[in-house]
C-alpha atoms as a PDB file:
ATOM      1  CA  MET A   1      -5.097  17.995 -14.959  1.00  0.00           C
ATOM      2  CA  ASN A   2      -8.126  19.978 -16.728  1.00  0.00           C
ATOM      3  CA  SER A   3      -5.625  20.743 -19.455  1.00  0.00           C
ATOM      4  CA  LYS A   4      -6.771  19.851 -23.006  1.00  0.00           C
ATOM      5  CA  PRO A   5      -3.529  17.364 -24.713  1.00  0.00           C
ATOM      6  CA  LYS A   6      -2.620  18.999 -27.641  1.00  0.00           C
ATOM      7  CA  ALA A   7      -1.492  16.914 -30.879  1.00  0.00           C
ATOM      8  CA  GLY A   8       1.826  17.526 -32.274  1.00  0.00           C
ATOM      9  CA  ASN A   9       5.255  18.269 -30.944  1.00  0.00           C
ATOM     10  CA  GLY A  10       5.953  14.688 -31.948  1.00  0.00           C
ATOM     11  CA  ALA A  11       3.596  12.606 -29.529  1.00  0.00           C
ATOM     12  CA  ARG A  12       0.069  11.360 -30.575  1.00  0.00           C
ATOM     13  CA  VAL A  13      -3.036  13.058 -28.140  1.00  0.00           C
ATOM     14  CA  SER A  14      -3.836   9.074 -27.394  1.00  0.00           C
ATOM     15  CA  ASP A  15       0.122   8.970 -25.876  1.00  0.00           C
ATOM     16  CA  GLN A  16      -0.738  12.102 -23.969  1.00  0.00           C
ATOM     17  CA  VAL A  17      -3.878  10.834 -22.312  1.00  0.00           C
ATOM     18  CA  ALA A  18      -1.957   7.555 -21.718  1.00  0.00           C
ATOM     19  CA  ASP A  19       1.119   9.605 -20.233  1.00  0.00           C
ATOM     20  CA  ARG A  20      -1.838  11.643 -17.998  1.00  0.00           C
ATOM     21  CA  ILE A  21      -3.284   8.590 -16.577  1.00  0.00           C
ATOM     22  CA  LEU A  22       0.404   7.095 -15.924  1.00  0.00           C
ATOM     23  CA  ALA A  23       0.513  10.092 -14.081  1.00  0.00           C
ATOM     24  CA  ARG A  24      -2.582   9.437 -11.434  1.00  0.00           C
ATOM     25  CA  ILE A  25      -1.420   5.916 -11.299  1.00  0.00           C
ATOM     26  CA  ALA A  26       2.039   6.764 -10.562  1.00  0.00           C
ATOM     27  CA  SER A  27       1.172   9.670  -7.772  1.00  0.00           C
ATOM     28  CA  GLY A  28      -0.995   6.887  -5.981  1.00  0.00           C
ATOM     29  CA  GLU A  29      -3.968   8.651  -6.814  1.00  0.00           C
ATOM     30  CA  TRP A  30      -5.192   5.412  -8.562  1.00  0.00           C
ATOM     31  CA  GLY A  31      -3.570   3.236  -6.635  1.00  0.00           C
ATOM     32  CA  PRO A  32      -3.488  -1.064  -7.827  1.00  0.00           C
ATOM     33  CA  GLY A  33      -6.884  -2.278  -8.078  1.00  0.00           C
ATOM     34  CA  HIS A  34      -8.590   1.350  -8.315  1.00  0.00           C
ATOM     35  CA  ARG A  35     -11.386   1.091 -11.084  1.00  0.00           C
ATOM     36  CA  LEU A  36     -10.654   4.283 -13.654  1.00  0.00           C
ATOM     37  CA  PRO A  37     -14.096   5.861 -14.648  1.00  0.00           C
ATOM     38  CA  GLY A  38     -15.261   5.119 -17.601  1.00  0.00           C
ATOM     39  CA  GLU A  39     -14.375   6.177 -20.932  1.00  0.00           C
ATOM     40  CA  ARG A  40     -17.090   8.592 -21.169  1.00  0.00           C
ATOM     41  CA  GLN A  41     -15.964  10.477 -18.274  1.00  0.00           C
ATOM     42  CA  LEU A  42     -12.029  10.374 -19.041  1.00  0.00           C
ATOM     43  CA  ALA A  43     -12.839  11.740 -22.176  1.00  0.00           C
ATOM     44  CA  GLU A  44     -14.624  14.762 -21.002  1.00  0.00           C
ATOM     45  CA  GLU A  45     -11.874  15.481 -17.881  1.00  0.00           C
ATOM     46  CA  MET A  46      -9.561  15.618 -20.445  1.00  0.00           C
ATOM     47  CA  GLY A  47     -11.117  17.102 -23.146  1.00  0.00           C
ATOM     48  CA  VAL A  48     -10.441  14.432 -26.531  1.00  0.00           C
ATOM     49  CA  SER A  49     -12.192  12.041 -27.785  1.00  0.00           C
ATOM     50  CA  ARG A  50     -13.076   8.219 -26.580  1.00  0.00           C
ATOM     51  CA  VAL A  51     -11.138   7.102 -29.705  1.00  0.00           C
ATOM     52  CA  SER A  52      -8.286   8.399 -28.065  1.00  0.00           C
ATOM     53  CA  ILE A  53      -8.875   7.525 -24.611  1.00  0.00           C
ATOM     54  CA  ARG A  54      -9.123   4.002 -25.779  1.00  0.00           C
ATOM     55  CA  ALA A  55      -6.255   4.253 -27.577  1.00  0.00           C
ATOM     56  CA  ALA A  56      -4.566   5.119 -24.308  1.00  0.00           C
ATOM     57  CA  LEU A  57      -6.004   2.597 -22.217  1.00  0.00           C
ATOM     58  CA  GLN A  58      -4.956  -0.400 -24.700  1.00  0.00           C
ATOM     59  CA  SER A  59      -1.303   0.951 -24.767  1.00  0.00           C
ATOM     60  CA  LEU A  60      -1.520   0.642 -20.302  1.00  0.00           C
ATOM     61  CA  LYS A  61      -2.747  -2.396 -20.796  1.00  0.00           C
ATOM     62  CA  THR A  62      -0.437  -3.534 -23.403  1.00  0.00           C
ATOM     63  CA  GLN A  63       2.386  -2.548 -21.002  1.00  0.00           C
ATOM     64  CA  GLY A  64       0.636  -4.570 -17.771  1.00  0.00           C
ATOM     65  CA  LEU A  65      -0.519  -1.220 -16.303  1.00  0.00           C
ATOM     66  CA  LEU A  66      -4.124  -1.740 -16.439  1.00  0.00           C
ATOM     67  CA  ASP A  67      -6.118  -4.519 -17.341  1.00  0.00           C
ATOM     68  CA  ALA A  68     -10.083  -4.955 -17.789  1.00  0.00           C
ATOM     69  CA  VAL A  69     -12.805  -5.691 -15.519  1.00  0.00           C
ATOM     70  CA  GLN A  70     -15.306  -8.177 -15.503  1.00  0.00           C
ATOM     71  CA  GLY A  71     -18.676  -6.544 -16.688  1.00  0.00           C
ATOM     72  CA  GLY A  72     -17.037  -4.145 -18.179  1.00  0.00           C
ATOM     73  CA  GLY A  73     -14.504  -1.221 -17.196  1.00  0.00           C
ATOM     74  CA  THR A  74     -10.795  -0.953 -16.459  1.00  0.00           C
ATOM     75  CA  ARG A  75      -8.873  -0.822 -13.526  1.00  0.00           C
ATOM     76  CA  VAL A  76      -5.147  -0.688 -12.342  1.00  0.00           C
ATOM     77  CA  ILE A  77      -3.160  -3.819 -12.415  1.00  0.00           C
ATOM     78  CA  ALA A  78      -2.741  -5.569  -8.243  1.00  0.00           C
ATOM     79  CA  SER A  79       0.815  -7.215  -9.395  1.00  0.00           C
ATOM     80  CA  SER A  80       0.997  -9.668  -6.148  1.00  0.00           C
ATOM     81  CA  ALA A  81      -0.402 -12.571  -8.647  1.00  0.00           C
ATOM     82  CA  ALA A  82       2.521 -12.354 -10.298  1.00  0.00           C
ATOM     83  CA  MET A  83       4.779 -12.309  -7.685  1.00  0.00           C
ATOM     84  CA  ASP A  84       3.237 -13.951  -4.513  1.00  0.00           C
ATOM     85  CA  PRO A  85       3.151 -17.455  -5.402  1.00  0.00           C
ATOM     86  CA  GLY A  86       7.165 -16.988  -5.535  1.00  0.00           C
ATOM     87  CA  ILE A  87       7.629 -15.391  -2.306  1.00  0.00           C
ATOM     88  CA  LEU A  88       5.348 -17.517  -0.434  1.00  0.00           C
ATOM     89  CA  GLU A  89       6.847 -20.797  -1.898  1.00  0.00           C
ATOM     90  CA  LEU A  90      10.553 -19.316  -0.554  1.00  0.00           C
ATOM     91  CA  VAL A  91       8.867 -18.528   3.266  1.00  0.00           C
ATOM     92  CA  ARG A  92       7.645 -21.772   3.325  1.00  0.00           C
ATOM     93  CA  VAL A  93      10.694 -23.209   2.523  1.00  0.00           C
ATOM     94  CA  SER A  94      13.094 -21.336   5.028  1.00  0.00           C
ATOM     95  CA  ARG A  95      11.965 -19.058   8.320  1.00  0.00           C
ATOM     96  CA  ASP A  96      15.309 -17.151   7.640  1.00  0.00           C
ATOM     97  CA  ASN A  97      13.299 -16.072   4.532  1.00  0.00           C
ATOM     98  CA  LEU A  98      10.605 -14.353   6.142  1.00  0.00           C
ATOM     99  CA  HIS A  99      13.181 -12.672   8.831  1.00  0.00           C
ATOM    100  CA  ASP A 100      14.718 -11.273   5.750  1.00  0.00           C
ATOM    101  CA  LEU A 101      11.266 -10.341   4.662  1.00  0.00           C
ATOM    102  CA  ALA A 102      10.564  -8.547   7.887  1.00  0.00           C
ATOM    103  CA  GLU A 103      13.955  -6.656   7.503  1.00  0.00           C
ATOM    104  CA  ILE A 104      13.534  -5.480   4.072  1.00  0.00           C
ATOM    105  CA  ARG A 105       9.902  -4.315   5.235  1.00  0.00           C
ATOM    106  CA  ALA A 106      11.723  -2.285   8.208  1.00  0.00           C
ATOM    107  CA  ILE A 107      13.485  -0.340   5.921  1.00  0.00           C
ATOM    108  CA  LEU A 108      11.032   0.618   3.648  1.00  0.00           C
ATOM    109  CA  GLU A 109       8.317   0.956   5.968  1.00  0.00           C
ATOM    110  CA  ALA A 110      10.189   3.520   8.012  1.00  0.00           C
ATOM    111  CA  TRP A 111      10.979   5.553   4.579  1.00  0.00           C
ATOM    112  CA  ALA A 112       6.920   4.940   3.964  1.00  0.00           C
ATOM    113  CA  VAL A 113       6.290   6.236   7.029  1.00  0.00           C
ATOM    114  CA  GLY A 114       8.178   9.523   6.975  1.00  0.00           C
ATOM    115  CA  ARG A 115       6.738   9.937   4.031  1.00  0.00           C
ATOM    116  CA  ALA A 116       2.993   9.617   5.452  1.00  0.00           C
ATOM    117  CA  ALA A 117       4.010  12.214   8.054  1.00  0.00           C
ATOM    118  CA  ARG A 118       4.591  14.532   5.283  1.00  0.00           C
ATOM    119  CA  ASN A 119       2.075  13.677   3.069  1.00  0.00           C
ATOM    120  CA  ARG A 120      -0.970  12.718   4.613  1.00  0.00           C
ATOM    121  CA  SER A 121      -4.309  14.452   4.494  1.00  0.00           C
ATOM    122  CA  GLU A 122      -7.535  14.765   6.749  1.00  0.00           C
ATOM    123  CA  ALA A 123      -9.224  11.777   5.272  1.00  0.00           C
ATOM    124  CA  ASP A 124      -5.611   9.793   5.547  1.00  0.00           C
ATOM    125  CA  LEU A 125      -5.811  10.659   9.365  1.00  0.00           C
ATOM    126  CA  ALA A 126      -9.270   9.552   9.825  1.00  0.00           C
ATOM    127  CA  GLU A 127      -8.950   6.281   8.380  1.00  0.00           C
ATOM    128  CA  LEU A 128      -5.850   5.969  10.497  1.00  0.00           C
ATOM    129  CA  SER A 129      -7.505   6.911  13.412  1.00  0.00           C
ATOM    130  CA  ARG A 130     -10.880   4.566  12.626  1.00  0.00           C
ATOM    131  CA  ILE A 131      -8.316   1.737  12.625  1.00  0.00           C
ATOM    132  CA  MET A 132      -6.575   2.608  15.981  1.00  0.00           C
ATOM    133  CA  GLU A 133     -10.036   2.558  17.197  1.00  0.00           C
ATOM    134  CA  ALA A 134     -10.747  -0.899  15.366  1.00  0.00           C
ATOM    135  CA  THR A 135      -7.932  -2.423  17.356  1.00  0.00           C
ATOM    136  CA  GLU A 136      -8.183  -1.353  20.354  1.00  0.00           C
ATOM    137  CA  ALA A 137     -11.799  -2.608  20.302  1.00  0.00           C
ATOM    138  CA  ASP A 138     -10.831  -6.124  18.624  1.00  0.00           C
ATOM    139  CA  ILE A 139      -7.943  -6.554  21.391  1.00  0.00           C
ATOM    140  CA  SER A 140     -10.241  -6.218  24.021  1.00  0.00           C
ATOM    141  CA  GLY A 141     -13.034  -8.192  22.789  1.00  0.00           C
ATOM    142  CA  GLY A 142     -10.033 -10.827  21.990  1.00  0.00           C
ATOM    143  CA  ALA A 143     -11.306 -10.777  18.108  1.00  0.00           C
ATOM    144  CA  HIS A 144      -8.737 -11.251  15.186  1.00  0.00           C
ATOM    145  CA  LYS A 145      -6.200  -9.307  15.982  1.00  0.00           C
ATOM    146  CA  SER A 146      -3.815  -9.465  12.488  1.00  0.00           C
ATOM    147  CA  GLU A 147      -6.904  -7.862  10.191  1.00  0.00           C
ATOM    148  CA  ASN A 148      -6.314  -4.194  11.770  1.00  0.00           C
ATOM    149  CA  ASP A 149      -2.824  -4.524  11.646  1.00  0.00           C
ATOM    150  CA  VAL A 150      -2.750  -5.077   8.239  1.00  0.00           C
ATOM    151  CA  CYS A 151      -4.740  -2.117   7.408  1.00  0.00           C
ATOM    152  CA  PHE A 152      -2.885   0.132   9.808  1.00  0.00           C
ATOM    153  CA  HIS A 153       0.185  -0.618   7.526  1.00  0.00           C
ATOM    154  CA  LEU A 154      -1.158   0.033   4.018  1.00  0.00           C
ATOM    155  CA  ALA A 155      -2.762   2.856   5.301  1.00  0.00           C
ATOM    156  CA  ILE A 156       0.175   4.111   5.524  1.00  0.00           C
ATOM    157  CA  ALA A 157       1.600   2.858   2.590  1.00  0.00           C
ATOM    158  CA  LYS A 158      -1.860   5.036   1.032  1.00  0.00           C
ATOM    159  CA  ALA A 159      -0.960   8.339   3.139  1.00  0.00           C
ATOM    160  CA  ALA A 160       2.685   7.970   1.888  1.00  0.00           C
ATOM    161  CA  GLY A 161       1.349   9.556  -1.824  1.00  0.00           C
ATOM    162  CA  SER A 162       3.670   7.028  -3.824  1.00  0.00           C
ATOM    163  CA  GLY A 163       2.642   4.914  -6.816  1.00  0.00           C
ATOM    164  CA  ILE A 164       5.488   3.234  -6.617  1.00  0.00           C
ATOM    165  CA  TYR A 165       5.707   2.183  -2.887  1.00  0.00           C
ATOM    166  CA  LEU A 166       1.369   0.963  -3.261  1.00  0.00           C
ATOM    167  CA  HIS A 167       2.507  -1.166  -5.537  1.00  0.00           C
ATOM    168  CA  ILE A 168       5.568  -2.932  -3.888  1.00  0.00           C
ATOM    169  CA  MET A 169       3.127  -3.376  -0.933  1.00  0.00           C
ATOM    170  CA  ALA A 170       0.230  -4.606  -3.575  1.00  0.00           C
ATOM    171  CA  VAL A 171       3.001  -7.039  -4.617  1.00  0.00           C
ATOM    172  CA  ILE A 172       3.440  -8.463  -1.005  1.00  0.00           C
ATOM    173  CA  ARG A 173       0.233  -7.613   0.321  1.00  0.00           C
ATOM    174  CA  GLY A 174      -0.767 -11.879   0.546  1.00  0.00           C
ATOM    175  CA  ILE A 175       2.779 -12.620   1.966  1.00  0.00           C
ATOM    176  CA  LEU A 176       2.113  -9.502   4.719  1.00  0.00           C
ATOM    177  CA  HIS A 177      -1.303 -11.029   5.749  1.00  0.00           C
ATOM    178  CA  GLN A 178       0.696 -13.903   6.130  1.00  0.00           C
ATOM    179  CA  MET A 179       3.506 -12.800   8.147  1.00  0.00           C
ATOM    180  CA  VAL A 180       1.158 -10.475  10.495  1.00  0.00           C
ATOM    181  CA  ASP A 181      -0.629 -13.808  11.068  1.00  0.00           C
ATOM    182  CA  TYR A 182       2.494 -15.623  12.426  1.00  0.00           C
ATOM    183  CA  HIS A 183       3.471 -12.370  13.928  1.00  0.00           C
ATOM    184  CA  ARG A 184       0.045 -11.845  16.433  1.00  0.00           C
ATOM    185  CA  TYR A 185      -0.443 -15.583  17.006  1.00  0.00           C
ATOM    186  CA  GLU A 186       2.774 -17.224  17.182  1.00  0.00           C
ATOM    187  CA  LEU A 187       5.653 -14.462  17.768  1.00  0.00           C
ATOM    188  CA  PHE A 188       3.437 -11.981  19.516  1.00  0.00           C
ATOM    189  CA  PRO A 189       0.567 -14.189  21.284  1.00  0.00           C
ATOM    190  CA  SER A 190      -0.271 -12.779  24.786  1.00  0.00           C
ATOM    191  CA  ARG A 191      -2.038  -9.886  26.017  1.00  0.00           C
ATOM    192  CA  GLU A 192       0.882  -8.520  27.219  1.00  0.00           C
ATOM    193  CA  ASP A 193       2.347  -8.467  23.495  1.00  0.00           C
ATOM    194  CA  ASP A 194      -0.812  -6.804  22.029  1.00  0.00           C
ATOM    195  CA  LYS A 195      -0.475  -3.500  24.750  1.00  0.00           C
ATOM    196  CA  ILE A 196       3.364  -3.833  23.541  1.00  0.00           C
ATOM    197  CA  ILE A 197       2.186  -3.366  19.890  1.00  0.00           C
ATOM    198  CA  LEU A 198      -1.019  -1.099  20.715  1.00  0.00           C
ATOM    199  CA  GLY A 199       1.456   1.628  22.299  1.00  0.00           C
ATOM    200  CA  GLN A 200       3.573   0.937  19.648  1.00  0.00           C
ATOM    201  CA  HIS A 201       1.743   1.716  16.842  1.00  0.00           C
ATOM    202  CA  ARG A 202      -0.017   4.501  18.994  1.00  0.00           C
ATOM    203  CA  ALA A 203       3.370   5.855  18.916  1.00  0.00           C
ATOM    204  CA  ILE A 204       3.718   5.688  14.652  1.00  0.00           C
ATOM    205  CA  PHE A 205       0.005   6.992  14.278  1.00  0.00           C
ATOM    206  CA  ASP A 206       0.695  10.363  17.173  1.00  0.00           C
ATOM    207  CA  ALA A 207       3.845  11.353  14.971  1.00  0.00           C
ATOM    208  CA  ILE A 208       1.977  11.242  11.442  1.00  0.00           C
ATOM    209  CA  LYS A 209      -0.806  13.134  13.234  1.00  0.00           C
ATOM    210  CA  ALA A 210       1.926  15.564  14.377  1.00  0.00           C
ATOM    211  CA  ARG A 211       3.396  15.442  10.983  1.00  0.00           C
ATOM    212  CA  ASP A 212       6.895  14.541  12.092  1.00  0.00           C
ATOM    213  CA  PRO A 213       8.959  12.861   9.713  1.00  0.00           C
ATOM    214  CA  ALA A 214      11.635  11.693  12.203  1.00  0.00           C
ATOM    215  CA  ALA A 215       9.496  10.869  15.127  1.00  0.00           C
ATOM    216  CA  ALA A 216       7.417   8.450  12.907  1.00  0.00           C
ATOM    217  CA  GLU A 217      10.685   6.929  11.055  1.00  0.00           C
ATOM    218  CA  GLU A 218      11.995   6.620  14.803  1.00  0.00           C
ATOM    219  CA  ALA A 219       8.488   4.765  15.748  1.00  0.00           C
ATOM    220  CA  MET A 220       8.079   2.540  12.721  1.00  0.00           C
ATOM    221  CA  ARG A 221      12.272   1.508  13.334  1.00  0.00           C
ATOM    222  CA  ALA A 222      11.151   0.649  17.018  1.00  0.00           C
ATOM    223  CA  HIS A 223       7.987  -0.829  16.003  1.00  0.00           C
ATOM    224  CA  LEU A 224       9.675  -3.606  13.556  1.00  0.00           C
ATOM    225  CA  GLY A 225      12.772  -3.780  15.644  1.00  0.00           C
ATOM    226  CA  PHE A 226      10.882  -5.017  18.591  1.00  0.00           C
ATOM    227  CA  VAL A 227       9.943  -7.493  15.566  1.00  0.00           C
ATOM    228  CA  LEU A 228      13.357  -8.445  14.312  1.00  0.00           C
ATOM    229  CA  ALA A 229      14.231  -9.259  18.158  1.00  0.00           C
ATOM    230  CA  ARG A 230      11.752 -11.774  18.941  1.00  0.00           C
ATOM    231  CA  TYR A 231      12.208 -13.344  15.653  1.00  0.00           C
ATOM    232  CA  SER A 232      16.243 -13.905  16.776  1.00  0.00           C
ATOM    233  CA  ARG A 233      14.966 -15.746  19.714  1.00  0.00           C
ATOM    234  CA  GLN A 234      12.539 -18.136  17.419  1.00  0.00           C
ATOM    235  CA  PRO A 235      14.453 -21.879  17.533  1.00  0.00           C
ATOM    236  CA  SER A 236      15.494 -22.800  13.591  1.00  0.00           C
END
């Protein structure tokens, strides 16, 4: 990442800089909402002028990948603002749509957790461990149950190391919070439900820790399959 972009070969330096920034977004290193380093720091890191950095950032803003931060700076766009209202309205209209979204989540998250088991770093594992401990404490203390649940699934998304998947999760993040609230307070309101779901999360965590993609995918399918089975027992 430290090689200096070179002019020529039909590409401007600013275009090459934009490609390098885009690669860091696509890899998940700079996920939705991440604030980029300042122009001076980027110029020093990439060995180019601030003019080239500025042109590259403007190009990515025009493409809808970056936006300006109030007070100065640039961040990766978290595109939920454009999509969430439409998804929320569909869910409000019909519970069947919420079930469909849960089925789609089951497919996507089984893929993501397999990636997480292969790609997770020690920092990812530490974050998941912290969330597991917080979940256990909250359940024991009767605190709000859904926040750590959402954090657990978002931490898996980050550990998967896929920029595309991170952006998909950013799109549905708002509805994910509402979905998990519905799950934890209406579909699974009892203390026994809490213990079952905690055990399912523990199986997912243990598989990620062991770097076992097959076990991680199986554990995630079991967890979200348990959720979908409860949906099927709800009145229309």
